[in-house]
Amino acid sequence: MKRLLALLLCVWWVGCGVQPQAPSPAAPSVQTSSTASPSPTASGSPAEASEPVFHLASAQVNLPRVKLWIGPKEIVSELCHTVPQIATGLMHRTAIGPEETMLFVFAGPRDRSFYMKNVPFDIDVAYIDTEGVIQEIVRLKAQDAKGVPSKSSRIQFVLEAAPDYFTRNGFGPGTLISTERGSLAEVLSPMAQLN
């Protein structure tokens, strides 16, 4: 029962990408991903050993890919839409190529907070609203376990890329991202788990 409660809390409460609030005394804390904000449990505490872990122990390979249009540019991005994929993100990889991207798809909009546990290189992150419009771009520093929250509570998609990728390509807040078959919400939201 405790594991089921912990799983439900991770999906609803932490959202595998959302800055967690302080847990209530009865609610277990949850260890999440390299891209989600860390759990509030102090490092090395006895409770940490029994917490559920939703991320993989090694780098993800063979993720699905999706063709995207960012403004006028066509790209192919890795796609994370399940809880383990979102929780793992870029963890355990040694680098990201200058044109590589990873798109995170959430079931609905809310504020998001990403961090860099087990990621030894910097990245830039675009927080994207329900319409597929970039709201803000933030820099995440290698191994920094402090989450960088979005300013908006309407974030449904997050795109990770190499440092300066967005600047180099002329993408900034207000840039529309879509798929070759329609909007991000129409095409990708149905595949997202409740998160």
Foldseek 3Di string as FASTA:
>chain_A
DLVVQLVVCCLPAQVLFAAHDQDDPVRQWAAFAQWTAGTPDDPPDPSVVVHDYLEDPAADPDADWFWKQWFNDIDIAGEDFERHCSRYPGAHDADADQRYKYKYFALFFFKGWTAGARFAAKKKKFFAFLQQFGAFIDIYGHNGNHTDIDPDTRGGMMMIHHPCSCVVVVHGGGTGMAGPVGRCNVPPNVRHDRD
